């Protein structure tokens, strides 16, 4: 009887361990893995076993992050796990098309964290928390094309963040978006302080959102001050587009003075 009481508080109860089978994944593709379910010291009833996709996002206006779920799959319903029993439960969870990129050509993007967490709901029991396993998500070919183009015209990768919220005027599905930030090329270094790219992808198309932070002068004859003005550009990926030229032309247009303070 004492063992049963302990099991209700997680001591000697059933445990789970999730393992990813794919070394890398991509937005819009399934992610494969398995959950190892280990029976405890007594038989226990399971209400549910599942996996959840999580993204660590920056909360706007606050110096903190939150782990937001953006996909889930139930694997097992009401079952009984016998004492000492071991069960392997495979899973295939689809990644949304807007899943953030966490790795490019095998190199992790610092500041972006996406993971899969296994969750076990035991009847009349307190389950231990289970850490999320990080997922390496590589960009789709269309996304790689834009990132390559930015590098070819001299922009240098700086950091990547996930931000909670929505982009005005964009067709966005998730409750957060990714910004992949670049330091400007030498040609635009005196005009731009930062350039960020966001991919909003669906099964039909990929939209590219560019955000430029442009330095603003404090007077007509003065130098550039510390303030910045944001400019947004929205492009839809099309085949046979010279992205180096398209990006360079847009940056050149944004960089042109628009008034005595710009």
C-alpha atoms as a PDB file:
ATOM      1  CA  UNK A   1       0.000   0.000   0.000  1.00  0.00           C
ATOM      2  CA  UNK A   2       2.858   2.398   0.863  1.00  0.00           C
ATOM      3  CA  UNK A   3       4.347   1.887  -2.632  1.00  0.00           C
ATOM      4  CA  UNK A   4       1.021   2.862  -4.208  1.00  0.00           C
ATOM      5  CA  UNK A   5       0.902   6.042  -2.113  1.00  0.00           C
ATOM      6  CA  UNK A   6       4.451   6.964  -3.146  1.00  0.00           C
ATOM      7  CA  UNK A   7       3.606   6.320  -6.813  1.00  0.00           C
ATOM      8  CA  UNK A   8       0.842   8.920  -6.655  1.00  0.00           C
ATOM      9  CA  UNK A   9       3.514  11.508  -5.816  1.00  0.00           C
ATOM     10  CA  UNK A  10       5.922  10.439  -8.553  1.00  0.00           C
ATOM     11  CA  UNK A  11       8.118   8.218  -6.359  1.00  0.00           C
ATOM     12  CA  UNK A  12       8.437   4.774  -7.912  1.00  0.00           C
ATOM     13  CA  UNK A  13       5.893   5.700 -10.576  1.00  0.00           C
ATOM     14  CA  UNK A  14       6.013   5.338 -14.362  1.00  0.00           C
ATOM     15  CA  UNK A  15       8.596   7.364 -16.298  1.00  0.00           C
ATOM     16  CA  UNK A  16       9.039   8.380 -19.917  1.00  0.00           C
ATOM     17  CA  UNK A  17      12.025   9.206 -22.091  1.00  0.00           C
ATOM     18  CA  UNK A  18      11.638  10.806 -25.532  1.00  0.00           C
ATOM     19  CA  UNK A  19      14.160  10.300 -28.324  1.00  0.00           C
ATOM     20  CA  UNK A  20      14.303  11.983 -31.727  1.00  0.00           C
ATOM     21  CA  UNK A  21      15.061   9.724 -34.681  1.00  0.00           C
ATOM     22  CA  UNK A  22      15.697  12.516 -37.205  1.00  0.00           C
ATOM     23  CA  UNK A  23      19.072  14.276 -36.963  1.00  0.00           C
ATOM     24  CA  UNK A  24      17.601  17.297 -38.736  1.00  0.00           C
ATOM     25  CA  UNK A  25      14.128  18.425 -39.706  1.00  0.00           C
ATOM     26  CA  UNK A  26      12.542  21.117 -41.883  1.00  0.00           C
ATOM     27  CA  UNK A  27       9.401  23.274 -41.710  1.00  0.00           C
ATOM     28  CA  UNK A  28       6.328  21.582 -43.138  1.00  0.00           C
ATOM     29  CA  UNK A  29       7.863  18.098 -42.824  1.00  0.00           C
ATOM     30  CA  UNK A  30       7.127  15.367 -40.249  1.00  0.00           C
ATOM     31  CA  UNK A  31       9.428  14.884 -37.262  1.00  0.00           C
ATOM     32  CA  UNK A  32      10.002  11.276 -36.203  1.00  0.00           C
ATOM     33  CA  UNK A  33      10.839   9.953 -32.775  1.00  0.00           C
ATOM     34  CA  UNK A  34       9.818   7.552 -30.079  1.00  0.00           C
ATOM     35  CA  UNK A  35       8.831   7.663 -26.426  1.00  0.00           C
ATOM     36  CA  UNK A  36      10.067   4.951 -24.067  1.00  0.00           C
ATOM     37  CA  UNK A  37       7.483   4.334 -21.361  1.00  0.00           C
ATOM     38  CA  UNK A  38       8.900   2.639 -18.251  1.00  0.00           C
ATOM     39  CA  UNK A  39       6.567   1.084 -15.698  1.00  0.00           C
ATOM     40  CA  UNK A  40       7.230   1.879 -12.064  1.00  0.00           C
ATOM     41  CA  UNK A  41       7.008  -0.263  -8.937  1.00  0.00           C
ATOM     42  CA  UNK A  42       3.264  -0.737  -9.215  1.00  0.00           C
ATOM     43  CA  UNK A  43       0.672  -0.958 -11.986  1.00  0.00           C
ATOM     44  CA  UNK A  44      -0.649   2.467 -12.941  1.00  0.00           C
ATOM     45  CA  UNK A  45      -3.455   3.831 -15.062  1.00  0.00           C
ATOM     46  CA  UNK A  46      -2.472   6.248 -17.842  1.00  0.00           C
ATOM     47  CA  UNK A  47      -4.887   8.978 -18.856  1.00  0.00           C
ATOM     48  CA  UNK A  48      -2.814  10.110 -21.836  1.00  0.00           C
ATOM     49  CA  UNK A  49       0.680  10.098 -23.337  1.00  0.00           C
ATOM     50  CA  UNK A  50       1.655  12.698 -25.941  1.00  0.00           C
ATOM     51  CA  UNK A  51       4.314  14.989 -27.343  1.00  0.00           C
ATOM     52  CA  UNK A  52       4.243  18.774 -27.649  1.00  0.00           C
ATOM     53  CA  UNK A  53       6.247  21.166 -29.812  1.00  0.00           C
ATOM     54  CA  UNK A  54       7.628  24.119 -27.840  1.00  0.00           C
ATOM     55  CA  UNK A  55       9.341  27.349 -28.843  1.00  0.00           C
ATOM     56  CA  UNK A  56      11.142  29.695 -26.459  1.00  0.00           C
ATOM     57  CA  UNK A  57       9.917  33.177 -27.351  1.00  0.00           C
ATOM     58  CA  UNK A  58      10.657  36.700 -26.180  1.00  0.00           C
ATOM     59  CA  UNK A  59       7.729  38.461 -24.532  1.00  0.00           C
ATOM     60  CA  UNK A  60       7.333  41.954 -26.070  1.00  0.00           C
ATOM     61  CA  UNK A  61       8.149  44.779 -23.694  1.00  0.00           C
ATOM     62  CA  UNK A  62       9.457  42.442 -21.011  1.00  0.00           C
ATOM     63  CA  UNK A  63      12.880  41.056 -20.247  1.00  0.00           C
ATOM     64  CA  UNK A  64      11.767  37.437 -20.137  1.00  0.00           C
ATOM     65  CA  UNK A  65      11.003  34.431 -22.327  1.00  0.00           C
ATOM     66  CA  UNK A  66       8.204  31.878 -22.341  1.00  0.00           C
ATOM     67  CA  UNK A  67       7.961  28.366 -23.760  1.00  0.00           C
ATOM     68  CA  UNK A  68       4.943  28.439 -26.085  1.00  0.00           C
ATOM     69  CA  UNK A  69       3.360  25.248 -27.468  1.00  0.00           C
ATOM     70  CA  UNK A  70       2.699  25.330 -31.207  1.00  0.00           C
ATOM     71  CA  UNK A  71       1.806  21.739 -32.001  1.00  0.00           C
ATOM     72  CA  UNK A  72       0.861  18.540 -30.171  1.00  0.00           C
ATOM     73  CA  UNK A  73       0.022  14.916 -30.798  1.00  0.00           C
ATOM     74  CA  UNK A  74      -1.602  12.379 -28.505  1.00  0.00           C
ATOM     75  CA  UNK A  75       0.029   8.957 -28.658  1.00  0.00           C
ATOM     76  CA  UNK A  76      -1.797   6.849 -26.089  1.00  0.00           C
ATOM     77  CA  UNK A  77      -5.202   7.171 -24.487  1.00  0.00           C
ATOM     78  CA  UNK A  78      -6.397   5.377 -21.363  1.00  0.00           C
ATOM     79  CA  UNK A  79      -4.117   2.396 -20.779  1.00  0.00           C
ATOM     80  CA  UNK A  80      -2.515   0.458 -17.959  1.00  0.00           C
ATOM     81  CA  UNK A  81       1.268   0.363 -17.601  1.00  0.00           C
ATOM     82  CA  UNK A  82       2.347  -2.700 -15.629  1.00  0.00           C
ATOM     83  CA  UNK A  83       5.047  -2.596 -12.995  1.00  0.00           C
ATOM     84  CA  UNK A  84       8.448  -2.872 -14.679  1.00  0.00           C
ATOM     85  CA  UNK A  85       6.933  -2.912 -18.188  1.00  0.00           C
ATOM     86  CA  UNK A  86       8.803  -1.190 -21.039  1.00  0.00           C
ATOM     87  CA  UNK A  87       6.890   0.098 -24.069  1.00  0.00           C
ATOM     88  CA  UNK A  88       8.264   1.984 -27.089  1.00  0.00           C
ATOM     89  CA  UNK A  89       5.737   4.328 -28.681  1.00  0.00           C
ATOM     90  CA  UNK A  90       6.790   5.802 -32.066  1.00  0.00           C
ATOM     91  CA  UNK A  91       5.557   9.215 -33.114  1.00  0.00           C
ATOM     92  CA  UNK A  92       5.428  11.332 -36.242  1.00  0.00           C
ATOM     93  CA  UNK A  93       4.446  14.914 -35.516  1.00  0.00           C
ATOM     94  CA  UNK A  94       4.069  17.389 -38.398  1.00  0.00           C
ATOM     95  CA  UNK A  95       6.085  20.589 -38.100  1.00  0.00           C
ATOM     96  CA  UNK A  96       4.076  23.702 -39.053  1.00  0.00           C
ATOM     97  CA  UNK A  97       5.326  25.529 -42.139  1.00  0.00           C
ATOM     98  CA  UNK A  98       6.211  28.530 -39.948  1.00  0.00           C
ATOM     99  CA  UNK A  99       8.386  26.446 -37.610  1.00  0.00           C
ATOM    100  CA  UNK A 100      11.490  28.550 -36.846  1.00  0.00           C
ATOM    101  CA  UNK A 101      14.875  27.658 -38.279  1.00  0.00           C
ATOM    102  CA  UNK A 102      17.344  26.603 -35.574  1.00  0.00           C
ATOM    103  CA  UNK A 103      20.296  25.506 -37.714  1.00  0.00           C
ATOM    104  CA  UNK A 104      21.815  26.508 -41.058  1.00  0.00           C
ATOM    105  CA  UNK A 105      24.176  24.054 -42.753  1.00  0.00           C
ATOM    106  CA  UNK A 106      24.609  22.304 -39.410  1.00  0.00           C
ATOM    107  CA  UNK A 107      25.488  25.467 -37.479  1.00  0.00           C
ATOM    108  CA  UNK A 108      23.057  26.318 -34.644  1.00  0.00           C
ATOM    109  CA  UNK A 109      21.401  29.737 -34.641  1.00  0.00           C
ATOM    110  CA  UNK A 110      22.069  31.109 -31.170  1.00  0.00           C
ATOM    111  CA  UNK A 111      18.981  32.593 -29.573  1.00  0.00           C
ATOM    112  CA  UNK A 112      16.482  30.206 -31.175  1.00  0.00           C
ATOM    113  CA  UNK A 113      15.242  27.197 -29.204  1.00  0.00           C
ATOM    114  CA  UNK A 114      12.634  24.701 -30.445  1.00  0.00           C
ATOM    115  CA  UNK A 115      12.036  21.357 -28.794  1.00  0.00           C
ATOM    116  CA  UNK A 116       9.764  18.361 -28.346  1.00  0.00           C
ATOM    117  CA  UNK A 117       8.482  17.516 -24.869  1.00  0.00           C
ATOM    118  CA  UNK A 118       6.928  14.195 -23.919  1.00  0.00           C
ATOM    119  CA  UNK A 119       4.020  14.488 -21.487  1.00  0.00           C
ATOM    120  CA  UNK A 120       2.597  11.697 -19.342  1.00  0.00           C
ATOM    121  CA  UNK A 121      -0.741  12.077 -17.564  1.00  0.00           C
ATOM    122  CA  UNK A 122      -1.138   9.417 -14.875  1.00  0.00           C
ATOM    123  CA  UNK A 123      -4.490   8.880 -13.199  1.00  0.00           C
ATOM    124  CA  UNK A 124      -4.451  10.043  -9.561  1.00  0.00           C
ATOM    125  CA  UNK A 125      -0.722  10.779  -9.738  1.00  0.00           C
ATOM    126  CA  UNK A 126       1.657  13.715  -9.865  1.00  0.00           C
ATOM    127  CA  UNK A 127       3.961  13.279 -12.886  1.00  0.00           C
ATOM    128  CA  UNK A 128       7.523  14.514 -12.972  1.00  0.00           C
ATOM    129  CA  UNK A 129       8.247  17.292 -15.486  1.00  0.00           C
ATOM    130  CA  UNK A 130      10.058  16.154 -18.628  1.00  0.00           C
ATOM    131  CA  UNK A 131      12.597  18.353 -20.353  1.00  0.00           C
ATOM    132  CA  UNK A 132      12.172  19.160 -24.021  1.00  0.00           C
ATOM    133  CA  UNK A 133      14.631  17.678 -26.524  1.00  0.00           C
ATOM    134  CA  UNK A 134      16.041  20.313 -28.879  1.00  0.00           C
ATOM    135  CA  UNK A 135      15.276  19.942 -32.584  1.00  0.00           C
ATOM    136  CA  UNK A 136      17.709  20.940 -35.359  1.00  0.00           C
ATOM    137  CA  UNK A 137      15.513  22.570 -38.023  1.00  0.00           C
ATOM    138  CA  UNK A 138      17.204  23.476 -41.296  1.00  0.00           C
ATOM    139  CA  UNK A 139      15.728  26.099 -43.679  1.00  0.00           C
ATOM    140  CA  UNK A 140      13.787  25.091 -46.765  1.00  0.00           C
ATOM    141  CA  UNK A 141      15.478  25.614 -50.170  1.00  0.00           C
ATOM    142  CA  UNK A 142      13.587  28.882 -50.745  1.00  0.00           C
ATOM    143  CA  UNK A 143      14.639  30.171 -47.331  1.00  0.00           C
ATOM    144  CA  UNK A 144      18.255  29.167 -47.938  1.00  0.00           C
ATOM    145  CA  UNK A 145      18.165  31.095 -51.208  1.00  0.00           C
ATOM    146  CA  UNK A 146      17.336  34.354 -49.407  1.00  0.00           C
ATOM    147  CA  UNK A 147      19.865  33.779 -46.617  1.00  0.00           C
ATOM    148  CA  UNK A 148      22.556  33.024 -49.208  1.00  0.00           C
ATOM    149  CA  UNK A 149      21.645  36.180 -51.125  1.00  0.00           C
ATOM    150  CA  UNK A 150      22.029  38.338 -48.022  1.00  0.00           C
ATOM    151  CA  UNK A 151      25.461  36.865 -47.424  1.00  0.00           C
ATOM    152  CA  UNK A 152      26.522  37.357 -51.044  1.00  0.00           C
ATOM    153  CA  UNK A 153      25.751  41.093 -50.934  1.00  0.00           C
ATOM    154  CA  UNK A 154      27.771  41.535 -47.774  1.00  0.00           C
ATOM    155  CA  UNK A 155      25.342  41.201 -44.868  1.00  0.00           C
ATOM    156  CA  UNK A 156      26.725  39.263 -41.873  1.00  0.00           C
ATOM    157  CA  UNK A 157      24.610  37.078 -39.584  1.00  0.00           C
ATOM    158  CA  UNK A 158      24.322  38.521 -36.073  1.00  0.00           C
ATOM    159  CA  UNK A 159      21.633  36.693 -34.086  1.00  0.00           C
ATOM    160  CA  UNK A 160      18.175  35.136 -34.229  1.00  0.00           C
ATOM    161  CA  UNK A 161      15.237  35.609 -31.868  1.00  0.00           C
ATOM    162  CA  UNK A 162      11.653  34.414 -31.540  1.00  0.00           C
ATOM    163  CA  UNK A 163       9.172  37.122 -30.623  1.00  0.00           C
ATOM    164  CA  UNK A 164       5.616  36.720 -29.435  1.00  0.00           C
ATOM    165  CA  UNK A 165       3.120  38.701 -31.510  1.00  0.00           C
ATOM    166  CA  UNK A 166       2.085  39.301 -35.103  1.00  0.00           C
ATOM    167  CA  UNK A 167       3.485  41.227 -38.065  1.00  0.00           C
ATOM    168  CA  UNK A 168       1.062  43.844 -39.379  1.00  0.00           C
ATOM    169  CA  UNK A 169      -0.210  43.105 -42.862  1.00  0.00           C
ATOM    170  CA  UNK A 170       1.359  39.644 -43.043  1.00  0.00           C
ATOM    171  CA  UNK A 171      -0.373  36.294 -43.490  1.00  0.00           C
ATOM    172  CA  UNK A 172       0.884  34.721 -40.250  1.00  0.00           C
ATOM    173  CA  UNK A 173      -0.322  31.457 -38.722  1.00  0.00           C
ATOM    174  CA  UNK A 174       1.594  31.061 -35.446  1.00  0.00           C
ATOM    175  CA  UNK A 175       1.396  33.330 -32.385  1.00  0.00           C
ATOM    176  CA  UNK A 176       5.087  34.212 -32.720  1.00  0.00           C
ATOM    177  CA  UNK A 177       7.625  34.873 -35.471  1.00  0.00           C
ATOM    178  CA  UNK A 178      11.353  34.512 -35.995  1.00  0.00           C
ATOM    179  CA  UNK A 179      13.735  37.330 -36.811  1.00  0.00           C
ATOM    180  CA  UNK A 180      17.112  36.364 -38.283  1.00  0.00           C
ATOM    181  CA  UNK A 181      19.198  39.491 -37.818  1.00  0.00           C
ATOM    182  CA  UNK A 182      22.145  40.687 -39.864  1.00  0.00           C
ATOM    183  CA  UNK A 183      24.709  43.440 -39.556  1.00  0.00           C
ATOM    184  CA  UNK A 184      24.534  45.629 -42.704  1.00  0.00           C
ATOM    185  CA  UNK A 185      27.035  45.354 -45.520  1.00  0.00           C
ATOM    186  CA  UNK A 186      29.826  47.973 -45.704  1.00  0.00           C
ATOM    187  CA  UNK A 187      27.825  49.785 -48.381  1.00  0.00           C
ATOM    188  CA  UNK A 188      24.918  50.418 -45.975  1.00  0.00           C
ATOM    189  CA  UNK A 189      26.739  50.390 -42.625  1.00  0.00           C
ATOM    190  CA  UNK A 190      26.517  54.175 -42.215  1.00  0.00           C
ATOM    191  CA  UNK A 191      22.774  54.200 -42.943  1.00  0.00           C
ATOM    192  CA  UNK A 192      21.399  50.975 -41.397  1.00  0.00           C
ATOM    193  CA  UNK A 193      22.009  49.724 -37.877  1.00  0.00           C
ATOM    194  CA  UNK A 194      20.310  46.358 -38.375  1.00  0.00           C
ATOM    195  CA  UNK A 195      18.485  44.215 -40.926  1.00  0.00           C
ATOM    196  CA  UNK A 196      16.175  41.333 -40.004  1.00  0.00           C
ATOM    197  CA  UNK A 197      14.479  38.706 -42.171  1.00  0.00           C
ATOM    198  CA  UNK A 198      11.354  36.725 -41.269  1.00  0.00           C
ATOM    199  CA  UNK A 199       9.958  33.795 -43.253  1.00  0.00           C
ATOM    200  CA  UNK A 200       6.191  33.226 -43.326  1.00  0.00           C
ATOM    201  CA  UNK A 201       5.791  29.980 -45.194  1.00  0.00           C
ATOM    202  CA  UNK A 202       2.759  27.918 -46.132  1.00  0.00           C
ATOM    203  CA  UNK A 203       2.256  24.883 -48.358  1.00  0.00           C
ATOM    204  CA  UNK A 204       1.539  27.245 -51.271  1.00  0.00           C
ATOM    205  CA  UNK A 205       4.146  29.997 -50.908  1.00  0.00           C
ATOM    206  CA  UNK A 206       6.919  31.621 -48.919  1.00  0.00           C
ATOM    207  CA  UNK A 207       6.672  35.288 -47.928  1.00  0.00           C
ATOM    208  CA  UNK A 208       9.836  37.143 -46.971  1.00  0.00           C
ATOM    209  CA  UNK A 209       9.506  40.025 -44.507  1.00  0.00           C
ATOM    210  CA  UNK A 210      12.477  42.417 -44.309  1.00  0.00           C
ATOM    211  CA  UNK A 211      12.813  44.877 -41.463  1.00  0.00           C
ATOM    212  CA  UNK A 212      15.463  47.579 -41.681  1.00  0.00           C
ATOM    213  CA  UNK A 213      16.424  49.856 -38.806  1.00  0.00           C
ATOM    214  CA  UNK A 214      17.600  53.070 -40.443  1.00  0.00           C
ATOM    215  CA  UNK A 215      19.652  55.629 -38.595  1.00  0.00           C
ATOM    216  CA  UNK A 216      17.972  59.035 -38.323  1.00  0.00           C
ATOM    217  CA  UNK A 217      19.828  62.348 -38.279  1.00  0.00           C
ATOM    218  CA  UNK A 218      19.125  64.805 -35.486  1.00  0.00           C
ATOM    219  CA  UNK A 219      19.447  67.777 -37.853  1.00  0.00           C
ATOM    220  CA  UNK A 220      19.972  68.515 -41.507  1.00  0.00           C
ATOM    221  CA  UNK A 221      23.677  69.206 -41.070  1.00  0.00           C
ATOM    222  CA  UNK A 222      24.297  66.916 -38.107  1.00  0.00           C
ATOM    223  CA  UNK A 223      25.471  63.335 -38.087  1.00  0.00           C
ATOM    224  CA  UNK A 224      23.389  60.253 -37.528  1.00  0.00           C
ATOM    225  CA  UNK A 225      21.953  60.030 -34.058  1.00  0.00           C
ATOM    226  CA  UNK A 226      21.056  57.082 -31.861  1.00  0.00           C
ATOM    227  CA  UNK A 227      17.427  56.959 -32.935  1.00  0.00           C
ATOM    228  CA  UNK A 228      16.212  54.559 -35.590  1.00  0.00           C
ATOM    229  CA  UNK A 229      13.290  54.334 -37.976  1.00  0.00           C
ATOM    230  CA  UNK A 230      11.821  50.983 -38.987  1.00  0.00           C
ATOM    231  CA  UNK A 231      11.057  50.070 -42.609  1.00  0.00           C
ATOM    232  CA  UNK A 232       9.240  46.884 -43.633  1.00  0.00           C
ATOM    233  CA  UNK A 233       9.361  45.125 -46.979  1.00  0.00           C
ATOM    234  CA  UNK A 234       7.213  42.131 -47.951  1.00  0.00           C
ATOM    235  CA  UNK A 235       8.124  39.878 -50.889  1.00  0.00           C
ATOM    236  CA  UNK A 236       6.637  36.621 -52.141  1.00  0.00           C
ATOM    237  CA  UNK A 237       9.132  34.045 -53.355  1.00  0.00           C
ATOM    238  CA  UNK A 238       8.941  33.407 -57.093  1.00  0.00           C
ATOM    239  CA  UNK A 239      11.053  31.153 -59.294  1.00  0.00           C
ATOM    240  CA  UNK A 240      13.892  32.581 -61.371  1.00  0.00           C
ATOM    241  CA  UNK A 241      14.212  35.769 -59.301  1.00  0.00           C
ATOM    242  CA  UNK A 242      17.654  37.292 -58.866  1.00  0.00           C
ATOM    243  CA  UNK A 243      17.441  37.755 -55.124  1.00  0.00           C
ATOM    244  CA  UNK A 244      20.801  39.460 -54.841  1.00  0.00           C
ATOM    245  CA  UNK A 245      19.574  42.208 -57.181  1.00  0.00           C
ATOM    246  CA  UNK A 246      16.072  42.400 -55.679  1.00  0.00           C
ATOM    247  CA  UNK A 247      17.388  42.765 -52.141  1.00  0.00           C
ATOM    248  CA  UNK A 248      20.132  45.206 -53.119  1.00  0.00           C
ATOM    249  CA  UNK A 249      17.650  47.379 -55.044  1.00  0.00           C
ATOM    250  CA  UNK A 250      15.236  47.472 -52.099  1.00  0.00           C
ATOM    251  CA  UNK A 251      17.982  48.342 -49.601  1.00  0.00           C
ATOM    252  CA  UNK A 252      19.186  51.086 -51.929  1.00  0.00           C
ATOM    253  CA  UNK A 253      15.668  52.528 -52.108  1.00  0.00           C
ATOM    254  CA  UNK A 254      15.266  52.506 -48.310  1.00  0.00           C
ATOM    255  CA  UNK A 255      18.695  54.089 -47.828  1.00  0.00           C
ATOM    256  CA  UNK A 256      17.858  57.176 -49.929  1.00  0.00           C
ATOM    257  CA  UNK A 257      17.190  60.372 -47.950  1.00  0.00           C
ATOM    258  CA  UNK A 258      13.499  61.208 -47.621  1.00  0.00           C
ATOM    259  CA  UNK A 259      13.697  64.529 -45.780  1.00  0.00           C
ATOM    260  CA  UNK A 260      15.896  66.825 -43.749  1.00  0.00           C
ATOM    261  CA  UNK A 261      15.937  64.382 -40.837  1.00  0.00           C
ATOM    262  CA  UNK A 262      16.498  61.280 -42.978  1.00  0.00           C
END
